[in-house]
């Protein structure tokens, strides 16, 4: 029997209105929801999700999943928009505000301010809930949480970037208290900034998303849009966990391009080989644009291949070479 079903709002072709230059609402609420799902599992609370990846659910699909879950409660996670500031929780007109209020107040203990706890009816029918997550989820008691405003003129944007996991944990704490379930802190506690030392690694990644950009430091410093680097392959020599997210330092040919959130990349598998003779490396597989020299005896990583060419990494630079000059 499921006690709780967590609903990450939006998804797939629907990015959500609570989006900005730093995040898409659908991604941030999925991060929040997956974190909560894992923690509730650890705490022994029977829990389910409406989605666990970036997929689109129509309103009817989403509410059907909630109705059929058998859960007592549902928490629908969202990021707000409209220029306000602070957390909002919304309950059904047919439910009291106790759970919604406890969730909101617990979030304020982590530094967020309270905007309001409320319910809303359809403008043309005061006997029906305004939000379909209340109106069409049957007997499941659904609370919508708006953690803050993506377009806040005050401090919500920085608060969400820095403390989203603290807010997510506050919801877990409040819900456990509400149902009388034993709550314990995460094994390592909630890290306020979740910073870890820079770790030396060696991996090859491809940029597959341009959602957040590339930064001088993880989430800080200068920012460059990452759209132009989409599908580029980089070498990663350093990684760091910051504010609960893994970040990679992107390097090409010895030049550091900046830091990118790891979930915007796809790790490339590779195998080691050696170069039998001095050769030229090329930027593209058509071997028309010379990129650099590859010396005999160089140890290289092979990422991909065509009939007669390998995509290799040499001196931190992906480039194409003829197969005939490679030996294993």
C-alpha atoms as a PDB file:
ATOM      1  CA  UNK A   1       0.000   0.000   0.000  1.00  0.00           C
ATOM      2  CA  UNK A   2       1.467   3.341  -1.053  1.00  0.00           C
ATOM      3  CA  UNK A   3       1.340   6.073   1.575  1.00  0.00           C
ATOM      4  CA  UNK A   4       2.509   8.932  -0.628  1.00  0.00           C
ATOM      5  CA  UNK A   5       2.876   9.637  -4.341  1.00  0.00           C
ATOM      6  CA  UNK A   6       5.202  12.464  -5.391  1.00  0.00           C
ATOM      7  CA  UNK A   7       4.439  14.344  -8.576  1.00  0.00           C
ATOM      8  CA  UNK A   8       7.234  16.261 -10.326  1.00  0.00           C
ATOM      9  CA  UNK A   9       5.218  18.811 -12.299  1.00  0.00           C
ATOM     10  CA  UNK A  10       5.479  19.289 -16.077  1.00  0.00           C
ATOM     11  CA  UNK A  11       8.057  17.265 -18.051  1.00  0.00           C
ATOM     12  CA  UNK A  12       9.000  16.465 -21.644  1.00  0.00           C
ATOM     13  CA  UNK A  13       7.639  19.043 -24.082  1.00  0.00           C
ATOM     14  CA  UNK A  14       6.226  21.039 -21.139  1.00  0.00           C
ATOM     15  CA  UNK A  15       9.159  22.851 -19.425  1.00  0.00           C
ATOM     16  CA  UNK A  16       6.919  24.628 -16.918  1.00  0.00           C
ATOM     17  CA  UNK A  17       6.386  28.340 -16.403  1.00  0.00           C
ATOM     18  CA  UNK A  18       8.729  28.445 -13.400  1.00  0.00           C
ATOM     19  CA  UNK A  19      11.810  28.381 -15.624  1.00  0.00           C
ATOM     20  CA  UNK A  20      14.654  30.877 -16.089  1.00  0.00           C
ATOM     21  CA  UNK A  21      18.244  31.109 -17.331  1.00  0.00           C
ATOM     22  CA  UNK A  22      19.435  28.780 -14.573  1.00  0.00           C
ATOM     23  CA  UNK A  23      16.914  25.953 -14.785  1.00  0.00           C
ATOM     24  CA  UNK A  24      13.815  24.573 -16.406  1.00  0.00           C
ATOM     25  CA  UNK A  25      11.045  23.963 -13.915  1.00  0.00           C
ATOM     26  CA  UNK A  26      10.558  20.394 -15.108  1.00  0.00           C
ATOM     27  CA  UNK A  27      14.199  19.580 -14.289  1.00  0.00           C
ATOM     28  CA  UNK A  28      14.399  21.254 -10.903  1.00  0.00           C
ATOM     29  CA  UNK A  29      11.196  19.677  -9.635  1.00  0.00           C
ATOM     30  CA  UNK A  30      12.365  16.282 -10.901  1.00  0.00           C
ATOM     31  CA  UNK A  31      15.597  16.719  -8.905  1.00  0.00           C
ATOM     32  CA  UNK A  32      13.566  17.648  -5.828  1.00  0.00           C
ATOM     33  CA  UNK A  33      11.173  14.730  -6.300  1.00  0.00           C
ATOM     34  CA  UNK A  34      13.860  12.105  -6.908  1.00  0.00           C
ATOM     35  CA  UNK A  35      15.687  13.268  -3.792  1.00  0.00           C
ATOM     36  CA  UNK A  36      12.488  13.043  -1.738  1.00  0.00           C
ATOM     37  CA  UNK A  37      11.633   9.639  -3.195  1.00  0.00           C
ATOM     38  CA  UNK A  38      15.034   8.253  -2.214  1.00  0.00           C
ATOM     39  CA  UNK A  39      14.823   9.712   1.303  1.00  0.00           C
ATOM     40  CA  UNK A  40      11.283   8.449   1.929  1.00  0.00           C
ATOM     41  CA  UNK A  41      12.455   4.988   0.827  1.00  0.00           C
ATOM     42  CA  UNK A  42      15.334   5.201   3.318  1.00  0.00           C
ATOM     43  CA  UNK A  43      12.898   6.188   6.050  1.00  0.00           C
ATOM     44  CA  UNK A  44      10.534   3.314   5.278  1.00  0.00           C
ATOM     45  CA  UNK A  45       7.639   5.405   3.972  1.00  0.00           C
ATOM     46  CA  UNK A  46       5.843   3.587   1.096  1.00  0.00           C
ATOM     47  CA  UNK A  47       6.230   6.047  -1.775  1.00  0.00           C
ATOM     48  CA  UNK A  48       5.739   6.282  -5.532  1.00  0.00           C
ATOM     49  CA  UNK A  49       6.365   8.810  -8.343  1.00  0.00           C
ATOM     50  CA  UNK A  50       4.233   9.975 -11.253  1.00  0.00           C
ATOM     51  CA  UNK A  51       7.403  10.254 -13.348  1.00  0.00           C
ATOM     52  CA  UNK A  52      11.073   9.471 -12.708  1.00  0.00           C
ATOM     53  CA  UNK A  53      12.517  10.949 -15.899  1.00  0.00           C
ATOM     54  CA  UNK A  54      11.935  13.791 -18.339  1.00  0.00           C
ATOM     55  CA  UNK A  55       8.690  12.659 -19.957  1.00  0.00           C
ATOM     56  CA  UNK A  56       5.468  14.475 -20.769  1.00  0.00           C
ATOM     57  CA  UNK A  57       2.295  13.454 -18.945  1.00  0.00           C
ATOM     58  CA  UNK A  58      -1.038  14.862 -20.015  1.00  0.00           C
ATOM     59  CA  UNK A  59      -3.274  16.081 -17.184  1.00  0.00           C
ATOM     60  CA  UNK A  60      -5.463  12.996 -17.565  1.00  0.00           C
ATOM     61  CA  UNK A  61      -2.447  10.644 -17.495  1.00  0.00           C
ATOM     62  CA  UNK A  62      -0.955  12.365 -14.475  1.00  0.00           C
ATOM     63  CA  UNK A  63      -4.150  12.364 -12.443  1.00  0.00           C
ATOM     64  CA  UNK A  64      -4.920   8.766 -13.402  1.00  0.00           C
ATOM     65  CA  UNK A  65      -1.533   7.676 -12.045  1.00  0.00           C
ATOM     66  CA  UNK A  66      -2.271   9.470  -8.783  1.00  0.00           C
ATOM     67  CA  UNK A  67      -5.824   8.081  -8.507  1.00  0.00           C
ATOM     68  CA  UNK A  68      -4.713   4.527  -9.226  1.00  0.00           C
ATOM     69  CA  UNK A  69      -1.731   4.638  -6.863  1.00  0.00           C
ATOM     70  CA  UNK A  70      -3.787   3.871  -3.788  1.00  0.00           C
ATOM     71  CA  UNK A  71      -1.892   6.609  -1.948  1.00  0.00           C
ATOM     72  CA  UNK A  72      -3.370   8.594   0.912  1.00  0.00           C
ATOM     73  CA  UNK A  73      -1.524  11.759  -0.027  1.00  0.00           C
ATOM     74  CA  UNK A  74       0.141  13.324  -3.041  1.00  0.00           C
ATOM     75  CA  UNK A  75       2.722  16.102  -3.099  1.00  0.00           C
ATOM     76  CA  UNK A  76       2.943  17.913  -6.435  1.00  0.00           C
ATOM     77  CA  UNK A  77       6.228  19.817  -6.753  1.00  0.00           C
ATOM     78  CA  UNK A  78       6.456  23.095  -8.688  1.00  0.00           C
ATOM     79  CA  UNK A  79       8.421  26.326  -9.079  1.00  0.00           C
ATOM     80  CA  UNK A  80       6.319  29.462  -9.277  1.00  0.00           C
ATOM     81  CA  UNK A  81       6.309  32.400 -11.701  1.00  0.00           C
ATOM     82  CA  UNK A  82       4.677  35.801 -11.736  1.00  0.00           C
ATOM     83  CA  UNK A  83       7.135  38.026  -9.929  1.00  0.00           C
ATOM     84  CA  UNK A  84       6.345  37.069  -6.336  1.00  0.00           C
ATOM     85  CA  UNK A  85       8.639  35.736  -3.649  1.00  0.00           C
ATOM     86  CA  UNK A  86       8.372  32.913  -1.148  1.00  0.00           C
ATOM     87  CA  UNK A  87       6.858  29.456  -0.755  1.00  0.00           C
ATOM     88  CA  UNK A  88       3.214  28.724  -1.449  1.00  0.00           C
ATOM     89  CA  UNK A  89       1.282  25.558  -0.658  1.00  0.00           C
ATOM     90  CA  UNK A  90      -2.145  24.869  -2.116  1.00  0.00           C
ATOM     91  CA  UNK A  91      -4.699  22.408  -0.753  1.00  0.00           C
ATOM     92  CA  UNK A  92      -8.072  21.220  -2.040  1.00  0.00           C
ATOM     93  CA  UNK A  93     -11.224  23.089  -1.073  1.00  0.00           C
ATOM     94  CA  UNK A  94     -12.421  19.763   0.341  1.00  0.00           C
ATOM     95  CA  UNK A  95      -9.401  19.340   2.669  1.00  0.00           C
ATOM     96  CA  UNK A  96      -8.260  21.330   5.659  1.00  0.00           C
ATOM     97  CA  UNK A  97      -5.011  23.273   5.461  1.00  0.00           C
ATOM     98  CA  UNK A  98      -3.128  21.359   8.152  1.00  0.00           C
ATOM     99  CA  UNK A  99      -0.707  19.410   5.935  1.00  0.00           C
ATOM    100  CA  UNK A 100      -0.243  22.308   3.528  1.00  0.00           C
ATOM    101  CA  UNK A 101       0.541  24.635   6.422  1.00  0.00           C
ATOM    102  CA  UNK A 102       2.991  22.249   8.071  1.00  0.00           C
ATOM    103  CA  UNK A 103       4.852  21.755   4.781  1.00  0.00           C
ATOM    104  CA  UNK A 104       5.109  25.494   4.186  1.00  0.00           C
ATOM    105  CA  UNK A 105       6.203  26.338   7.723  1.00  0.00           C
ATOM    106  CA  UNK A 106       8.894  23.654   7.712  1.00  0.00           C
ATOM    107  CA  UNK A 107      10.326  25.113   4.487  1.00  0.00           C
ATOM    108  CA  UNK A 108      10.454  28.555   6.119  1.00  0.00           C
ATOM    109  CA  UNK A 109      12.673  27.054   8.841  1.00  0.00           C
ATOM    110  CA  UNK A 110      15.289  26.611   6.096  1.00  0.00           C
ATOM    111  CA  UNK A 111      15.276  30.340   5.321  1.00  0.00           C
ATOM    112  CA  UNK A 112      12.528  30.680   2.729  1.00  0.00           C
ATOM    113  CA  UNK A 113       9.754  33.158   3.472  1.00  0.00           C
ATOM    114  CA  UNK A 114       6.077  32.223   3.491  1.00  0.00           C
ATOM    115  CA  UNK A 115       3.893  33.808   0.816  1.00  0.00           C
ATOM    116  CA  UNK A 116       0.625  32.019   1.472  1.00  0.00           C
ATOM    117  CA  UNK A 117      -1.229  28.758   2.159  1.00  0.00           C
ATOM    118  CA  UNK A 118      -4.501  28.668   0.237  1.00  0.00           C
ATOM    119  CA  UNK A 119      -7.112  26.884  -1.852  1.00  0.00           C
ATOM    120  CA  UNK A 120      -8.864  28.085  -5.005  1.00  0.00           C
ATOM    121  CA  UNK A 121     -12.120  27.357  -6.797  1.00  0.00           C
ATOM    122  CA  UNK A 122     -13.082  27.481 -10.435  1.00  0.00           C
ATOM    123  CA  UNK A 123     -14.276  30.997 -11.289  1.00  0.00           C
ATOM    124  CA  UNK A 124     -17.523  29.669 -12.737  1.00  0.00           C
ATOM    125  CA  UNK A 125     -18.156  26.902 -10.166  1.00  0.00           C
ATOM    126  CA  UNK A 126     -17.345  27.496  -6.502  1.00  0.00           C
ATOM    127  CA  UNK A 127     -17.952  23.827  -5.719  1.00  0.00           C
ATOM    128  CA  UNK A 128     -14.971  22.627  -7.762  1.00  0.00           C
ATOM    129  CA  UNK A 129     -11.224  22.990  -7.246  1.00  0.00           C
ATOM    130  CA  UNK A 130      -9.380  25.269  -9.652  1.00  0.00           C
ATOM    131  CA  UNK A 131      -6.320  22.990 -10.079  1.00  0.00           C
ATOM    132  CA  UNK A 132      -6.793  19.656 -11.836  1.00  0.00           C
ATOM    133  CA  UNK A 133      -4.341  18.023  -9.411  1.00  0.00           C
ATOM    134  CA  UNK A 134      -6.988  18.639  -6.744  1.00  0.00           C
ATOM    135  CA  UNK A 135     -10.060  18.281  -8.916  1.00  0.00           C
ATOM    136  CA  UNK A 136      -9.224  15.023 -10.720  1.00  0.00           C
ATOM    137  CA  UNK A 137      -7.147  12.961  -8.269  1.00  0.00           C
ATOM    138  CA  UNK A 138     -10.080  11.311  -6.539  1.00  0.00           C
ATOM    139  CA  UNK A 139      -9.718  10.501  -2.850  1.00  0.00           C
ATOM    140  CA  UNK A 140      -5.972  11.217  -2.781  1.00  0.00           C
ATOM    141  CA  UNK A 141      -5.297  14.299  -0.654  1.00  0.00           C
ATOM    142  CA  UNK A 142      -3.070  16.384  -2.927  1.00  0.00           C
ATOM    143  CA  UNK A 143      -0.945  19.343  -1.840  1.00  0.00           C
ATOM    144  CA  UNK A 144       0.754  21.508  -4.455  1.00  0.00           C
ATOM    145  CA  UNK A 145       4.056  23.049  -3.328  1.00  0.00           C
ATOM    146  CA  UNK A 146       5.470  26.101  -5.095  1.00  0.00           C
ATOM    147  CA  UNK A 147       8.991  26.300  -3.624  1.00  0.00           C
ATOM    148  CA  UNK A 148       9.683  29.834  -4.811  1.00  0.00           C
ATOM    149  CA  UNK A 149       9.559  32.109  -7.843  1.00  0.00           C
ATOM    150  CA  UNK A 150      11.803  31.636 -10.864  1.00  0.00           C
ATOM    151  CA  UNK A 151      11.368  35.331 -11.703  1.00  0.00           C
ATOM    152  CA  UNK A 152      11.564  36.726  -8.173  1.00  0.00           C
ATOM    153  CA  UNK A 153      12.904  40.277  -7.865  1.00  0.00           C
ATOM    154  CA  UNK A 154      14.118  39.375  -4.368  1.00  0.00           C
ATOM    155  CA  UNK A 155      16.143  36.348  -3.317  1.00  0.00           C
ATOM    156  CA  UNK A 156      14.175  33.275  -4.428  1.00  0.00           C
ATOM    157  CA  UNK A 157      16.424  32.462  -7.400  1.00  0.00           C
ATOM    158  CA  UNK A 158      19.624  32.318  -5.354  1.00  0.00           C
ATOM    159  CA  UNK A 159      17.829  30.559  -2.516  1.00  0.00           C
ATOM    160  CA  UNK A 160      16.562  27.847  -4.836  1.00  0.00           C
ATOM    161  CA  UNK A 161      19.969  27.410  -6.462  1.00  0.00           C
ATOM    162  CA  UNK A 162      21.681  27.092  -3.090  1.00  0.00           C
ATOM    163  CA  UNK A 163      19.050  25.462  -0.900  1.00  0.00           C
ATOM    164  CA  UNK A 164      16.638  23.401  -3.011  1.00  0.00           C
ATOM    165  CA  UNK A 165      17.771  20.240  -1.269  1.00  0.00           C
ATOM    166  CA  UNK A 166      17.238  21.817   2.162  1.00  0.00           C
ATOM    167  CA  UNK A 167      13.679  22.695   1.118  1.00  0.00           C
ATOM    168  CA  UNK A 168      13.153  19.160  -0.211  1.00  0.00           C
ATOM    169  CA  UNK A 169      14.350  17.727   3.095  1.00  0.00           C
ATOM    170  CA  UNK A 170      12.052  20.090   5.012  1.00  0.00           C
ATOM    171  CA  UNK A 171       9.079  18.590   3.165  1.00  0.00           C
ATOM    172  CA  UNK A 172      10.210  15.092   4.142  1.00  0.00           C
ATOM    173  CA  UNK A 173      10.535  16.147   7.772  1.00  0.00           C
ATOM    174  CA  UNK A 174       7.132  17.840   7.818  1.00  0.00           C
ATOM    175  CA  UNK A 175       5.359  14.934   6.166  1.00  0.00           C
ATOM    176  CA  UNK A 176       6.852  12.386   8.556  1.00  0.00           C
ATOM    177  CA  UNK A 177       5.754  14.527  11.493  1.00  0.00           C
ATOM    178  CA  UNK A 178       2.272  14.870   9.993  1.00  0.00           C
ATOM    179  CA  UNK A 179       1.700  11.101   9.650  1.00  0.00           C
ATOM    180  CA  UNK A 180       3.523  10.240  12.874  1.00  0.00           C
ATOM    181  CA  UNK A 181       6.374   8.397  11.156  1.00  0.00           C
ATOM    182  CA  UNK A 182       9.847   8.356  12.715  1.00  0.00           C
ATOM    183  CA  UNK A 183      12.153  10.858  11.021  1.00  0.00           C
ATOM    184  CA  UNK A 184      15.934  10.704  11.031  1.00  0.00           C
ATOM    185  CA  UNK A 185      18.459  12.960   9.349  1.00  0.00           C
ATOM    186  CA  UNK A 186      20.248  11.813   6.208  1.00  0.00           C
ATOM    187  CA  UNK A 187      23.293   9.720   7.064  1.00  0.00           C
ATOM    188  CA  UNK A 188      25.659  12.586   6.292  1.00  0.00           C
ATOM    189  CA  UNK A 189      23.187  15.317   7.182  1.00  0.00           C
ATOM    190  CA  UNK A 190      21.909  17.947   4.798  1.00  0.00           C
ATOM    191  CA  UNK A 191      24.860  19.913   3.502  1.00  0.00           C
ATOM    192  CA  UNK A 192      23.902  23.553   3.296  1.00  0.00           C
ATOM    193  CA  UNK A 193      26.073  24.085   0.227  1.00  0.00           C
ATOM    194  CA  UNK A 194      26.937  20.428  -0.362  1.00  0.00           C
ATOM    195  CA  UNK A 195      30.426  21.420  -1.484  1.00  0.00           C
ATOM    196  CA  UNK A 196      33.105  18.762  -1.757  1.00  0.00           C
ATOM    197  CA  UNK A 197      36.801  19.108  -2.635  1.00  0.00           C
ATOM    198  CA  UNK A 198      37.783  19.006  -6.293  1.00  0.00           C
ATOM    199  CA  UNK A 199      38.483  15.415  -7.303  1.00  0.00           C
ATOM    200  CA  UNK A 200      40.965  14.460 -10.023  1.00  0.00           C
ATOM    201  CA  UNK A 201      39.390  12.206 -12.663  1.00  0.00           C
ATOM    202  CA  UNK A 202      39.897  11.209 -16.289  1.00  0.00           C
ATOM    203  CA  UNK A 203      36.786  10.771 -18.357  1.00  0.00           C
ATOM    204  CA  UNK A 204      35.428  11.819 -21.719  1.00  0.00           C
ATOM    205  CA  UNK A 205      32.001  13.426 -22.033  1.00  0.00           C
ATOM    206  CA  UNK A 206      29.753  14.763 -24.768  1.00  0.00           C
ATOM    207  CA  UNK A 207      27.617  17.864 -24.127  1.00  0.00           C
ATOM    208  CA  UNK A 208      24.029  16.762 -24.745  1.00  0.00           C
ATOM    209  CA  UNK A 209      22.079  19.628 -23.158  1.00  0.00           C
ATOM    210  CA  UNK A 210      22.354  23.419 -23.124  1.00  0.00           C
ATOM    211  CA  UNK A 211      19.978  24.072 -20.211  1.00  0.00           C
ATOM    212  CA  UNK A 212      22.190  25.872 -17.723  1.00  0.00           C
ATOM    213  CA  UNK A 213      25.359  27.018 -19.471  1.00  0.00           C
ATOM    214  CA  UNK A 214      29.063  26.787 -18.640  1.00  0.00           C
ATOM    215  CA  UNK A 215      30.454  28.608 -15.615  1.00  0.00           C
ATOM    216  CA  UNK A 216      33.807  29.875 -14.401  1.00  0.00           C
ATOM    217  CA  UNK A 217      33.114  27.934 -11.204  1.00  0.00           C
ATOM    218  CA  UNK A 218      30.205  25.575 -10.500  1.00  0.00           C
ATOM    219  CA  UNK A 219      27.028  27.751 -10.411  1.00  0.00           C
ATOM    220  CA  UNK A 220      29.161  30.858  -9.873  1.00  0.00           C
ATOM    221  CA  UNK A 221      31.490  33.251 -11.671  1.00  0.00           C
ATOM    222  CA  UNK A 222      31.075  34.140 -15.325  1.00  0.00           C
ATOM    223  CA  UNK A 223      28.535  32.237 -17.356  1.00  0.00           C
ATOM    224  CA  UNK A 224      28.638  31.349 -21.031  1.00  0.00           C
ATOM    225  CA  UNK A 225      25.715  29.870 -22.918  1.00  0.00           C
ATOM    226  CA  UNK A 226      26.482  26.242 -23.717  1.00  0.00           C
ATOM    227  CA  UNK A 227      24.363  26.003 -26.883  1.00  0.00           C
ATOM    228  CA  UNK A 228      27.386  26.399 -29.150  1.00  0.00           C
ATOM    229  CA  UNK A 229      29.069  23.470 -27.389  1.00  0.00           C
ATOM    230  CA  UNK A 230      26.145  21.113 -27.898  1.00  0.00           C
ATOM    231  CA  UNK A 231      27.456  17.712 -29.117  1.00  0.00           C
ATOM    232  CA  UNK A 232      31.074  18.734 -28.503  1.00  0.00           C
ATOM    233  CA  UNK A 233      33.275  16.121 -26.871  1.00  0.00           C
ATOM    234  CA  UNK A 234      35.470  17.199 -23.957  1.00  0.00           C
ATOM    235  CA  UNK A 235      37.967  15.669 -21.583  1.00  0.00           C
ATOM    236  CA  UNK A 236      37.199  15.951 -17.875  1.00  0.00           C
ATOM    237  CA  UNK A 237      40.192  16.143 -15.547  1.00  0.00           C
ATOM    238  CA  UNK A 238      38.418  17.566 -12.479  1.00  0.00           C
ATOM    239  CA  UNK A 239      34.993  17.121 -10.939  1.00  0.00           C
ATOM    240  CA  UNK A 240      33.272  18.554  -7.884  1.00  0.00           C
ATOM    241  CA  UNK A 241      29.951  18.194  -6.065  1.00  0.00           C
ATOM    242  CA  UNK A 242      28.488  21.631  -5.380  1.00  0.00           C
ATOM    243  CA  UNK A 243      25.037  22.297  -3.911  1.00  0.00           C
ATOM    244  CA  UNK A 244      24.154  18.662  -4.294  1.00  0.00           C
ATOM    245  CA  UNK A 245      25.044  18.438  -8.008  1.00  0.00           C
ATOM    246  CA  UNK A 246      28.040  16.911  -9.746  1.00  0.00           C
ATOM    247  CA  UNK A 247      30.007  19.327 -11.975  1.00  0.00           C
ATOM    248  CA  UNK A 248      32.706  18.628 -14.581  1.00  0.00           C
ATOM    249  CA  UNK A 249      35.566  20.894 -15.652  1.00  0.00           C
ATOM    250  CA  UNK A 250      35.652  20.802 -19.461  1.00  0.00           C
ATOM    251  CA  UNK A 251      39.057  20.722 -21.153  1.00  0.00           C
ATOM    252  CA  UNK A 252      40.156  20.711 -24.793  1.00  0.00           C
ATOM    253  CA  UNK A 253      43.775  20.662 -25.932  1.00  0.00           C
ATOM    254  CA  UNK A 254      44.925  21.878 -22.529  1.00  0.00           C
ATOM    255  CA  UNK A 255      42.453  24.802 -22.459  1.00  0.00           C
ATOM    256  CA  UNK A 256      39.840  24.890 -19.687  1.00  0.00           C
ATOM    257  CA  UNK A 257      36.480  25.954 -21.105  1.00  0.00           C
ATOM    258  CA  UNK A 258      34.672  26.071 -17.767  1.00  0.00           C
ATOM    259  CA  UNK A 259      32.418  23.968 -15.548  1.00  0.00           C
ATOM    260  CA  UNK A 260      29.186  22.270 -16.592  1.00  0.00           C
ATOM    261  CA  UNK A 261      26.559  20.356 -14.596  1.00  0.00           C
ATOM    262  CA  UNK A 262      27.256  16.655 -15.166  1.00  0.00           C
ATOM    263  CA  UNK A 263      23.635  15.875 -16.045  1.00  0.00           C
ATOM    264  CA  UNK A 264      24.070  18.027 -19.165  1.00  0.00           C
ATOM    265  CA  UNK A 265      26.664  15.583 -20.453  1.00  0.00           C
ATOM    266  CA  UNK A 266      26.846  11.980 -21.540  1.00  0.00           C
ATOM    267  CA  UNK A 267      29.908   9.984 -20.562  1.00  0.00           C
ATOM    268  CA  UNK A 268      31.676   8.426 -23.512  1.00  0.00           C
ATOM    269  CA  UNK A 269      33.164   4.975 -23.225  1.00  0.00           C
ATOM    270  CA  UNK A 270      36.672   4.529 -24.607  1.00  0.00           C
ATOM    271  CA  UNK A 271      39.546   2.094 -24.970  1.00  0.00           C
ATOM    272  CA  UNK A 272      43.256   2.754 -24.847  1.00  0.00           C
ATOM    273  CA  UNK A 273      45.578   2.376 -27.859  1.00  0.00           C
ATOM    274  CA  UNK A 274      48.876   3.699 -29.258  1.00  0.00           C
ATOM    275  CA  UNK A 275      49.933   5.542 -32.393  1.00  0.00           C
ATOM    276  CA  UNK A 276      52.403   3.666 -34.627  1.00  0.00           C
ATOM    277  CA  UNK A 277      53.702   6.673 -36.582  1.00  0.00           C
ATOM    278  CA  UNK A 278      53.594  10.456 -36.647  1.00  0.00           C
ATOM    279  CA  UNK A 279      50.324  11.602 -38.153  1.00  0.00           C
ATOM    280  CA  UNK A 280      47.895  14.474 -38.440  1.00  0.00           C
ATOM    281  CA  UNK A 281      44.672  14.746 -36.438  1.00  0.00           C
ATOM    282  CA  UNK A 282      41.537  16.231 -37.956  1.00  0.00           C
ATOM    283  CA  UNK A 283      38.621  18.132 -36.462  1.00  0.00           C
ATOM    284  CA  UNK A 284      35.947  16.271 -38.462  1.00  0.00           C
ATOM    285  CA  UNK A 285      35.594  12.729 -39.769  1.00  0.00           C
ATOM    286  CA  UNK A 286      35.922  13.953 -43.359  1.00  0.00           C
ATOM    287  CA  UNK A 287      39.641  14.569 -42.580  1.00  0.00           C
ATOM    288  CA  UNK A 288      39.547  17.984 -44.239  1.00  0.00           C
ATOM    289  CA  UNK A 289      40.312  20.278 -41.303  1.00  0.00           C
ATOM    290  CA  UNK A 290      43.751  19.618 -39.807  1.00  0.00           C
ATOM    291  CA  UNK A 291      43.656  19.998 -36.054  1.00  0.00           C
ATOM    292  CA  UNK A 292      47.038  18.957 -34.724  1.00  0.00           C
ATOM    293  CA  UNK A 293      49.926  16.523 -34.839  1.00  0.00           C
ATOM    294  CA  UNK A 294      49.862  13.140 -33.112  1.00  0.00           C
ATOM    295  CA  UNK A 295      53.319  11.797 -32.375  1.00  0.00           C
ATOM    296  CA  UNK A 296      54.453   8.201 -32.763  1.00  0.00           C
ATOM    297  CA  UNK A 297      54.124   6.266 -29.491  1.00  0.00           C
ATOM    298  CA  UNK A 298      51.382   8.529 -28.086  1.00  0.00           C
ATOM    299  CA  UNK A 299      48.861   6.824 -25.816  1.00  0.00           C
ATOM    300  CA  UNK A 300      45.385   7.687 -27.035  1.00  0.00           C
ATOM    301  CA  UNK A 301      41.785   6.984 -26.045  1.00  0.00           C
ATOM    302  CA  UNK A 302      39.467   5.748 -28.801  1.00  0.00           C
ATOM    303  CA  UNK A 303      35.915   7.074 -28.519  1.00  0.00           C
ATOM    304  CA  UNK A 304      34.275   6.125 -31.801  1.00  0.00           C
ATOM    305  CA  UNK A 305      35.028   4.733 -35.244  1.00  0.00           C
ATOM    306  CA  UNK A 306      33.924   4.634 -38.848  1.00  0.00           C
ATOM    307  CA  UNK A 307      35.023   2.180 -41.543  1.00  0.00           C
ATOM    308  CA  UNK A 308      38.550   3.581 -41.801  1.00  0.00           C
ATOM    309  CA  UNK A 309      38.856   6.225 -39.054  1.00  0.00           C
ATOM    310  CA  UNK A 310      38.978   6.488 -35.267  1.00  0.00           C
ATOM    311  CA  UNK A 311      37.799   9.371 -33.110  1.00  0.00           C
ATOM    312  CA  UNK A 312      40.587   9.624 -30.551  1.00  0.00           C
ATOM    313  CA  UNK A 313      41.600  11.819 -27.639  1.00  0.00           C
ATOM    314  CA  UNK A 314      45.175  13.069 -27.729  1.00  0.00           C
ATOM    315  CA  UNK A 315      46.465  15.717 -25.324  1.00  0.00           C
ATOM    316  CA  UNK A 316      42.943  16.240 -24.044  1.00  0.00           C
ATOM    317  CA  UNK A 317      41.716  16.940 -27.585  1.00  0.00           C
ATOM    318  CA  UNK A 318      39.213  14.720 -29.449  1.00  0.00           C
ATOM    319  CA  UNK A 319      40.167  14.411 -33.121  1.00  0.00           C
ATOM    320  CA  UNK A 320      39.921  12.010 -36.055  1.00  0.00           C
ATOM    321  CA  UNK A 321      42.780   9.886 -37.440  1.00  0.00           C
ATOM    322  CA  UNK A 322      43.207   7.056 -39.929  1.00  0.00           C
ATOM    323  CA  UNK A 323      42.773   3.584 -38.395  1.00  0.00           C
ATOM    324  CA  UNK A 324      45.916   2.259 -40.011  1.00  0.00           C
ATOM    325  CA  UNK A 325      48.180   4.275 -37.684  1.00  0.00           C
ATOM    326  CA  UNK A 326      46.651   2.839 -34.477  1.00  0.00           C
ATOM    327  CA  UNK A 327      47.719  -0.294 -32.637  1.00  0.00           C
ATOM    328  CA  UNK A 328      46.393  -1.963 -29.489  1.00  0.00           C
END
